């Protein structure tokens, strides 16, 4: 059993959907489970629907119309017969969306998000599955919400592994081509999501539960590069990476592999391949048990829109263990992700990521007990296996606010 994951860039338009079919024909379609994200930038578009619905109703119809038109253009390009059943399926999905918008009484952002944004994956998989059927590639469309079972931690749901493994083995015929959604799960009452960019994690869940021979993530790059090619020149393809090294890179924010993806695969020694859907002759990158990295070169990870925070006691006393415990309880309460920590006797500094727009609440809650200063919109660079030349790339012409060095890694916060 192989697990393939296709992200939004691989299904961004009709030509991309046809290319996905080309990839499957090239690789073979039997014994394969395909996980597909929302098309193009549709997750962002559905997030705008959530924002309009909760905060600016005057924008709601335009936001829905944008998403509807986007999918209709792809439908008309893929299906010559305008009476094709897929048109009705897509229409029904939008009717379900409108029904939720009309009947929902909750004002909780996270819950509402998880009931609206997943329509992106439901639409993309419906369209791709039916297109494959129309060109005689038999497949089974699977509703992942009935199989990956989670708790009710909306937007960051925790997987019930035992129940999920039972559901997967009961419902997936591993001899066939299966098409399902990434990013989504379900509890007894509603849809949940596995956090943004969680489709890679979906692939790992299925691979672990099905004892897959491999997972392949199909990208618009040749594999895992040592830096983002949109921000760095002369990037280098990493042909082999160990699980340990890939976990380190994901922990520091490398965007090619989702952080939760790697551990389930390592536990069963399932190789993870990252390949190009544009260059099928390239072997890409393989993550497996073995040497840390081939070739071993400095790797750059860039995280933007960070907040650099420094906290000290109001009475100028030391920052001790009980203070750190209290601070981290607040960070956990407001779901703030910490990407760097540095402390001294009198202050505690960290670089954090405000994924849930809760930083202001965190600040207002902690301010009565501590003095806190912060810089918003800073950039955090992490360099694995750094050398002097790699440091010069970051230091040149940048104002450095904080620097932290260990044996293999340096982190630099710049304004």
Protein backbone atom coordinates (compact mmCIF):
# COMPACT_ATOMS: atom_id res chain seq x y z
CA UNK A 1 0.00 0.00 0.00
CA UNK A 2 1.32 3.43 -0.99
CA UNK A 3 0.07 6.76 0.28
CA UNK A 4 0.25 9.81 -2.01
CA UNK A 5 -0.46 13.34 -0.85
CA UNK A 6 -1.20 16.18 -3.29
CA UNK A 7 -1.28 19.73 -1.95
CA UNK A 8 -3.20 22.74 -3.20
CA UNK A 9 -0.63 23.66 -5.85
CA UNK A 10 -1.10 20.26 -7.52
CA UNK A 11 -4.85 20.85 -8.02
CA UNK A 12 -4.94 24.63 -8.46
CA UNK A 13 -6.76 24.50 -11.83
CA UNK A 14 -8.08 22.10 -14.45
CA UNK A 15 -4.65 21.59 -16.03
CA UNK A 16 -3.26 20.64 -12.64
CA UNK A 17 -6.02 18.08 -12.07
CA UNK A 18 -5.21 16.54 -15.45
CA UNK A 19 -1.54 16.46 -14.46
CA UNK A 20 -2.47 14.64 -11.24
CA UNK A 21 -4.10 11.98 -13.40
CA UNK A 22 -0.89 11.84 -15.45
CA UNK A 23 1.12 11.26 -12.25
CA UNK A 24 -1.16 8.39 -11.23
CA UNK A 25 -0.92 6.79 -14.66
CA UNK A 26 2.86 7.08 -14.51
CA UNK A 27 3.14 5.64 -10.99
CA UNK A 28 0.29 3.11 -11.18
CA UNK A 29 -3.07 3.32 -9.44
CA UNK A 30 -3.49 0.00 -7.65
CA UNK A 31 -2.82 -0.35 -3.91
CA UNK A 32 -2.77 3.43 -3.56
CA UNK A 33 -4.46 5.90 -1.24
CA UNK A 34 -4.48 9.50 -2.46
CA UNK A 35 -4.92 12.43 -0.06
CA UNK A 36 -5.81 15.79 -1.60
CA UNK A 37 -5.86 19.30 -0.14
CA UNK A 38 -8.17 22.15 -1.08
CA UNK A 39 -7.57 23.53 -4.57
CA UNK A 40 -5.03 26.32 -4.99
CA UNK A 41 -5.52 29.00 -2.35
CA UNK A 42 -9.02 27.91 -1.44
CA UNK A 43 -8.21 27.40 2.25
CA UNK A 44 -7.45 31.12 2.42
CA UNK A 45 -10.66 31.86 0.53
CA UNK A 46 -12.77 29.79 2.93
CA UNK A 47 -11.06 31.51 5.86
CA UNK A 48 -12.34 34.79 4.41
CA UNK A 49 -15.85 33.32 4.44
CA UNK A 50 -15.41 32.53 8.14
CA UNK A 51 -14.22 36.07 8.85
CA UNK A 52 -17.07 37.63 6.86
CA UNK A 53 -19.67 35.38 8.49
CA UNK A 54 -18.54 36.20 12.03
CA UNK A 55 -17.36 39.79 11.71
CA UNK A 56 -18.44 41.47 8.47
CA UNK A 57 -21.67 40.08 7.01
CA UNK A 58 -21.60 42.59 4.16
CA UNK A 59 -18.64 40.71 2.63
CA UNK A 60 -20.17 37.25 2.96
CA UNK A 61 -21.94 36.90 -0.40
CA UNK A 62 -18.93 38.13 -2.35
CA UNK A 63 -16.68 35.70 -0.47
CA UNK A 64 -18.98 32.77 -1.25
CA UNK A 65 -19.35 33.84 -4.88
CA UNK A 66 -15.56 33.92 -5.30
CA UNK A 67 -15.23 30.33 -4.09
CA UNK A 68 -18.22 29.15 -6.12
CA UNK A 69 -16.95 30.70 -9.35
CA UNK A 70 -13.46 29.28 -8.83
CA UNK A 71 -14.76 25.72 -8.66
CA UNK A 72 -17.26 26.22 -11.49
CA UNK A 73 -14.47 27.33 -13.84
CA UNK A 74 -12.56 24.12 -13.07
CA UNK A 75 -15.69 22.00 -13.50
CA UNK A 76 -16.47 23.45 -16.94
CA UNK A 77 -12.88 22.87 -18.04
CA UNK A 78 -12.85 19.23 -16.89
CA UNK A 79 -16.31 18.00 -17.91
CA UNK A 80 -17.64 18.61 -21.42
CA UNK A 81 -21.09 17.36 -20.45
CA UNK A 82 -22.61 20.16 -18.41
CA UNK A 83 -25.18 17.71 -17.05
CA UNK A 84 -22.43 15.60 -15.50
CA UNK A 85 -23.34 14.43 -12.02
CA UNK A 86 -20.33 16.24 -10.54
CA UNK A 87 -22.03 19.61 -11.10
CA UNK A 88 -24.89 18.46 -8.88
CA UNK A 89 -22.51 17.11 -6.22
CA UNK A 90 -20.66 20.43 -6.06
CA UNK A 91 -23.94 22.35 -5.93
CA UNK A 92 -25.09 20.16 -3.04
CA UNK A 93 -21.90 20.88 -1.12
CA UNK A 94 -22.46 24.62 -1.48
CA UNK A 95 -26.07 24.13 -0.35
CA UNK A 96 -24.76 22.39 2.79
CA UNK A 97 -22.42 25.31 3.37
CA UNK A 98 -25.26 27.82 3.07
CA UNK A 99 -27.43 25.69 5.37
CA UNK A 100 -24.73 25.79 8.05
CA UNK A 101 -24.33 29.56 7.67
CA UNK A 102 -28.07 29.96 8.14
CA UNK A 103 -28.61 27.54 11.04
CA UNK A 104 -25.40 27.86 13.06
CA UNK A 105 -25.81 29.54 16.45
CA UNK A 106 -22.20 29.32 17.64
CA UNK A 107 -19.98 32.40 17.63
CA UNK A 108 -16.88 30.40 18.57
CA UNK A 109 -14.30 31.08 15.85
CA UNK A 110 -12.50 27.74 16.05
CA UNK A 111 -15.68 25.66 15.88
CA UNK A 112 -17.09 27.76 13.04
CA UNK A 113 -13.78 27.54 11.17
CA UNK A 114 -13.85 23.74 11.32
CA UNK A 115 -17.36 23.58 9.88
CA UNK A 116 -16.67 25.95 6.96
CA UNK A 117 -13.04 25.63 5.81
CA UNK A 118 -13.20 21.81 5.26
CA UNK A 119 -15.54 22.35 2.31
CA UNK A 120 -12.36 23.11 0.36
CA UNK A 121 -11.15 19.52 0.74
CA UNK A 122 -14.61 18.03 0.18
CA UNK A 123 -14.93 19.96 -3.09
CA UNK A 124 -11.45 19.17 -4.38
CA UNK A 125 -11.68 15.43 -3.72
CA UNK A 126 -15.17 15.22 -5.21
CA UNK A 127 -14.03 16.92 -8.41
CA UNK A 128 -10.78 14.93 -8.72
CA UNK A 129 -12.43 11.58 -7.97
CA UNK A 130 -15.15 12.14 -10.58
CA UNK A 131 -12.66 13.39 -13.16
CA UNK A 132 -10.57 10.24 -12.71
CA UNK A 133 -13.71 8.12 -13.16
CA UNK A 134 -14.53 10.05 -16.34
CA UNK A 135 -11.18 9.00 -17.87
CA UNK A 136 -11.60 5.39 -16.74
CA UNK A 137 -9.41 5.49 -13.65
CA UNK A 138 -11.54 3.61 -11.14
CA UNK A 139 -11.42 4.88 -7.58
CA UNK A 140 -13.37 5.06 -4.34
CA UNK A 141 -14.14 8.45 -2.76
CA UNK A 142 -13.77 8.24 1.02
CA UNK A 143 -15.10 10.73 3.58
CA UNK A 144 -12.17 11.01 5.98
CA UNK A 145 -14.37 12.54 8.68
CA UNK A 146 -15.89 9.10 9.24
CA UNK A 147 -12.49 7.47 9.61
CA UNK A 148 -9.98 9.77 11.34
CA UNK A 149 -11.63 10.28 14.71
CA UNK A 150 -10.55 13.10 17.01
CA UNK A 151 -11.44 15.02 20.12
CA UNK A 152 -13.22 18.40 19.95
CA UNK A 153 -10.10 20.62 20.00
CA UNK A 154 -11.24 22.57 16.98
CA UNK A 155 -8.48 23.74 14.57
CA UNK A 156 -5.94 21.55 16.39
CA UNK A 157 -7.76 18.27 16.97
CA UNK A 158 -6.04 15.33 18.68
CA UNK A 159 -6.34 11.95 16.98
CA UNK A 160 -7.91 8.98 18.74
CA UNK A 161 -5.36 6.53 17.37
CA UNK A 162 -7.01 3.29 18.48
CA UNK A 163 -10.44 4.17 17.11
CA UNK A 164 -8.93 5.67 13.93
CA UNK A 165 -6.85 2.56 13.24
CA UNK A 166 -9.94 0.37 13.58
CA UNK A 167 -11.96 2.64 11.28
CA UNK A 168 -9.22 2.75 8.63
CA UNK A 169 -8.77 -1.01 8.53
CA UNK A 170 -12.53 -1.55 8.37
CA UNK A 171 -13.19 0.97 5.60
CA UNK A 172 -10.15 1.07 3.29
CA UNK A 173 -9.81 -1.59 0.59
CA UNK A 174 -6.05 -1.50 0.13
CA UNK A 175 -6.22 -3.25 -3.27
CA UNK A 176 -7.98 -0.26 -4.87
CA UNK A 177 -7.33 3.40 -5.56
CA UNK A 178 -8.83 5.46 -2.73
CA UNK A 179 -9.34 9.25 -2.84
CA UNK A 180 -9.79 11.14 0.43
CA UNK A 181 -9.27 14.50 2.11
CA UNK A 182 -6.29 15.80 4.01
CA UNK A 183 -6.45 18.09 7.05
CA UNK A 184 -9.87 16.86 8.25
CA UNK A 185 -11.15 14.63 11.01
CA UNK A 186 -14.38 14.16 12.87
CA UNK A 187 -15.80 13.60 16.33
CA UNK A 188 -19.26 12.35 17.25
CA UNK A 189 -20.86 15.70 16.53
CA UNK A 190 -18.98 17.65 13.87
CA UNK A 191 -16.02 18.16 11.57
CA UNK A 192 -12.60 18.92 13.04
CA UNK A 193 -9.24 19.90 11.52
CA UNK A 194 -5.72 18.76 12.36
CA UNK A 195 -4.18 22.26 12.28
CA UNK A 196 -3.19 24.26 9.21
CA UNK A 197 -1.10 22.33 6.66
CA UNK A 198 -2.27 19.10 8.32
CA UNK A 199 -2.68 17.09 5.10
CA UNK A 200 0.84 15.68 5.47
CA UNK A 201 -0.16 14.44 8.91
CA UNK A 202 -3.22 12.80 7.38
CA UNK A 203 -0.91 10.88 5.07
CA UNK A 204 1.18 9.71 8.03
CA UNK A 205 -1.93 8.59 9.92
CA UNK A 206 -3.11 6.41 7.04
CA UNK A 207 0.39 5.07 6.38
CA UNK A 208 0.88 4.11 10.02
CA UNK A 209 -2.50 2.42 10.33
CA UNK A 210 -2.19 0.57 6.99
CA UNK A 211 1.50 -0.37 7.40
CA UNK A 212 2.15 1.37 4.07
CA UNK A 213 5.35 0.73 2.16
CA UNK A 214 5.90 4.48 1.65
CA UNK A 215 4.40 7.97 1.72
CA UNK A 216 4.99 10.36 -1.18
CA UNK A 217 4.33 14.08 -0.89
CA UNK A 218 4.00 15.59 -4.39
CA UNK A 219 5.26 19.18 -4.61
CA UNK A 220 6.10 21.82 -7.22
CA UNK A 221 9.79 21.52 -6.27
CA UNK A 222 12.17 18.62 -6.91
CA UNK A 223 12.24 17.58 -3.25
CA UNK A 224 13.44 18.97 0.07
CA UNK A 225 15.82 21.85 -0.60
CA UNK A 226 18.25 23.39 1.86
CA UNK A 227 16.32 26.67 1.69
CA UNK A 228 13.15 28.19 0.26
CA UNK A 229 13.94 28.88 -3.43
CA UNK A 230 11.62 31.89 -3.37
CA UNK A 231 13.88 33.57 -0.79
CA UNK A 232 17.35 32.12 -1.36
CA UNK A 233 19.47 31.69 -4.48
CA UNK A 234 21.50 28.58 -5.32
CA UNK A 235 19.43 26.12 -3.32
CA UNK A 236 20.61 22.50 -3.07
CA UNK A 237 18.47 19.35 -3.26
CA UNK A 238 18.82 17.10 -0.22
CA UNK A 239 18.72 13.55 -1.58
CA UNK A 240 18.51 11.74 1.75
CA UNK A 241 17.52 12.94 5.23
CA UNK A 242 17.27 10.89 8.40
CA UNK A 243 14.06 10.92 10.44
CA UNK A 244 15.97 12.65 13.24
CA UNK A 245 17.22 15.43 10.99
CA UNK A 246 13.83 15.88 9.30
CA UNK A 247 12.14 16.12 12.71
CA UNK A 248 14.66 18.79 13.76
CA UNK A 249 14.02 20.75 10.56
CA UNK A 250 10.24 20.46 10.95
CA UNK A 251 10.47 21.50 14.60
CA UNK A 252 12.26 24.68 13.57
CA UNK A 253 9.62 25.39 10.92
CA UNK A 254 10.72 23.88 7.61
CA UNK A 255 7.57 24.18 5.50
CA UNK A 256 8.07 21.19 3.21
CA UNK A 257 7.19 18.61 5.90
CA UNK A 258 4.52 19.08 8.55
CA UNK A 259 5.96 18.63 12.08
CA UNK A 260 3.45 15.95 13.14
CA UNK A 261 4.05 13.87 10.04
CA UNK A 262 7.37 12.30 10.81
CA UNK A 263 7.01 10.50 14.14
CA UNK A 264 4.31 7.98 13.09
CA UNK A 265 6.42 7.13 10.03
CA UNK A 266 9.61 6.73 12.06
CA UNK A 267 7.84 4.43 14.51
CA UNK A 268 7.23 1.93 11.69
CA UNK A 269 10.24 2.89 9.54
CA UNK A 270 8.02 3.95 6.64
CA UNK A 271 10.04 6.00 4.11
CA UNK A 272 8.78 9.48 3.26
CA UNK A 273 9.44 10.66 -0.29
CA UNK A 274 9.14 14.24 -1.48
CA UNK A 275 8.88 14.40 -5.27
CA UNK A 276 7.98 16.83 -8.04
CA UNK A 277 4.66 16.43 -9.84
CA UNK A 278 6.24 18.40 -12.71
CA UNK A 279 9.39 16.26 -13.07
CA UNK A 280 8.39 12.61 -12.72
CA UNK A 281 11.88 11.38 -13.62
CA UNK A 282 13.39 13.01 -10.53
CA UNK A 283 13.77 10.73 -7.51
CA UNK A 284 13.39 13.70 -5.16
CA UNK A 285 14.19 13.37 -1.46
CA UNK A 286 13.82 10.29 0.75
CA UNK A 287 13.46 10.56 4.53
CA UNK A 288 14.48 7.31 6.19
CA UNK A 289 16.60 5.77 8.95
CA UNK A 290 20.23 6.39 8.13
CA UNK A 291 22.81 9.14 7.67
CA UNK A 292 21.66 12.57 8.84
CA UNK A 293 21.83 14.30 5.48
CA UNK A 294 23.19 13.75 1.98
CA UNK A 295 24.70 16.13 0.98
CA UNK A 296 25.44 17.77 4.34
CA UNK A 297 25.11 21.50 3.76
CA UNK A 298 23.78 24.46 5.77
CA UNK A 299 19.96 24.51 5.78
CA UNK A 300 18.03 27.76 6.13
CA UNK A 301 14.55 27.97 7.69
CA UNK A 302 12.80 31.32 7.66
CA UNK A 303 9.71 32.12 9.75
CA UNK A 304 8.11 35.51 9.28
CA UNK A 305 5.45 37.40 11.28
CA UNK A 306 6.97 36.35 14.59
CA UNK A 307 6.76 38.24 17.89
CA UNK A 308 9.88 38.69 20.01
CA UNK A 309 8.87 38.97 23.67
CA UNK A 310 10.98 39.80 26.73
CA UNK A 311 9.48 39.30 30.18
CA UNK A 312 10.89 40.40 33.54
CA UNK A 313 9.59 40.68 37.09
CA UNK A 314 7.93 43.91 38.16
CA UNK A 315 10.18 44.16 41.25
CA UNK A 316 13.41 43.42 39.34
CA UNK A 317 13.77 40.07 41.08
CA UNK A 318 15.09 36.96 39.35
CA UNK A 319 13.06 34.99 36.84
CA UNK A 320 12.93 31.58 38.50
CA UNK A 321 11.28 28.21 37.88
CA UNK A 322 7.89 29.18 39.28
CA UNK A 323 7.84 32.26 37.01
CA UNK A 324 8.66 30.14 33.97
CA UNK A 325 5.93 27.66 34.88
CA UNK A 326 3.41 30.47 35.15
CA UNK A 327 4.47 32.02 31.84
CA UNK A 328 4.21 28.68 30.01
CA UNK A 329 0.76 28.06 31.45
CA UNK A 330 -0.34 31.32 29.89
CA UNK A 331 1.31 30.42 26.59
CA UNK A 332 -0.55 27.10 26.59
CA UNK A 333 -3.84 28.75 27.52
CA UNK A 334 -3.66 31.12 24.56
CA UNK A 335 -2.22 28.56 22.09
CA UNK A 336 0.92 30.56 21.36
CA UNK A 337 3.67 28.54 19.68
CA UNK A 338 7.19 29.14 21.02
CA UNK A 339 9.96 28.90 18.41
CA UNK A 340 12.90 30.17 20.46
CA UNK A 341 13.69 30.55 24.17
CA UNK A 342 16.49 32.48 25.87
CA UNK A 343 16.69 33.42 29.52
CA UNK A 344 18.95 35.30 31.90
CA UNK A 345 18.72 35.97 35.61
CA UNK A 346 16.44 38.97 35.17
CA UNK A 347 14.54 38.32 31.97
CA UNK A 348 13.05 35.62 29.79
CA UNK A 349 12.91 36.11 26.01
CA UNK A 350 11.09 34.08 23.38
CA UNK A 351 10.07 34.22 19.76
CA UNK A 352 6.43 33.21 19.41
CA UNK A 353 3.91 32.58 16.67
CA UNK A 354 0.38 33.94 17.06
CA UNK A 355 -1.50 31.36 14.96
CA UNK A 356 -4.84 31.94 16.69
CA UNK A 357 -4.70 35.75 17.07
CA UNK A 358 -4.59 35.52 20.86
CA UNK A 359 -1.42 37.49 21.59
CA UNK A 360 -3.27 40.57 22.82
CA UNK A 361 -5.24 38.44 25.29
CA UNK A 362 -1.99 36.83 26.46
CA UNK A 363 -0.43 40.26 26.93
CA UNK A 364 -3.38 41.63 28.92
CA UNK A 365 -3.45 38.57 31.17
CA UNK A 366 0.25 38.54 31.97
CA UNK A 367 0.85 42.28 32.25
CA UNK A 368 -0.43 42.65 35.87
CA UNK A 369 2.29 40.24 37.07
CA UNK A 370 5.25 40.97 34.79
CA UNK A 371 6.90 43.68 32.77
CA UNK A 372 6.74 42.74 29.10
CA UNK A 373 8.15 44.37 25.98
CA UNK A 374 7.78 43.00 22.48
CA UNK A 375 8.56 43.50 18.80
CA UNK A 376 5.97 42.38 16.27
CA UNK A 377 6.57 41.29 12.68
CA UNK A 378 10.12 40.09 13.23
CA UNK A 379 11.70 37.26 11.23
CA UNK A 380 13.29 34.19 12.77
CA UNK A 381 16.07 32.50 10.81
CA UNK A 382 17.25 29.06 11.82
CA UNK A 383 20.38 27.60 10.22
CA UNK A 384 21.09 23.90 10.69
CA UNK A 385 24.74 22.90 10.18
CA UNK A 386 25.79 26.54 9.93
CA UNK A 387 29.16 27.90 8.87
CA UNK A 388 30.63 31.37 8.51
CA UNK A 389 29.43 31.81 4.94
CA UNK A 390 25.85 30.91 5.87
CA UNK A 391 25.90 33.36 8.79
CA UNK A 392 26.99 36.19 6.51
CA UNK A 393 23.90 35.63 4.36
CA UNK A 394 21.69 36.53 7.33
CA UNK A 395 23.81 39.11 9.16
CA UNK A 396 24.49 41.32 6.16
CA UNK A 397 22.36 44.50 6.20
CA UNK A 398 19.97 43.14 8.85
CA UNK A 399 19.38 44.44 12.37
CA UNK A 400 19.88 41.45 14.68
CA UNK A 401 17.68 41.53 17.80
CA UNK A 402 18.65 38.16 19.27
CA UNK A 403 21.06 35.33 18.48
CA UNK A 404 21.29 31.87 20.01
CA UNK A 405 23.82 29.17 19.12
CA UNK A 406 24.12 25.45 19.83
CA UNK A 407 26.42 22.80 18.34
CA UNK A 408 24.46 22.26 15.11
CA UNK A 409 21.99 25.14 15.04
CA UNK A 410 21.97 28.91 15.20
CA UNK A 411 18.81 31.01 15.49
CA UNK A 412 18.77 34.69 14.63
CA UNK A 413 15.89 37.13 15.10
CA UNK A 414 16.02 40.14 12.79
CA UNK A 415 13.85 43.24 12.57
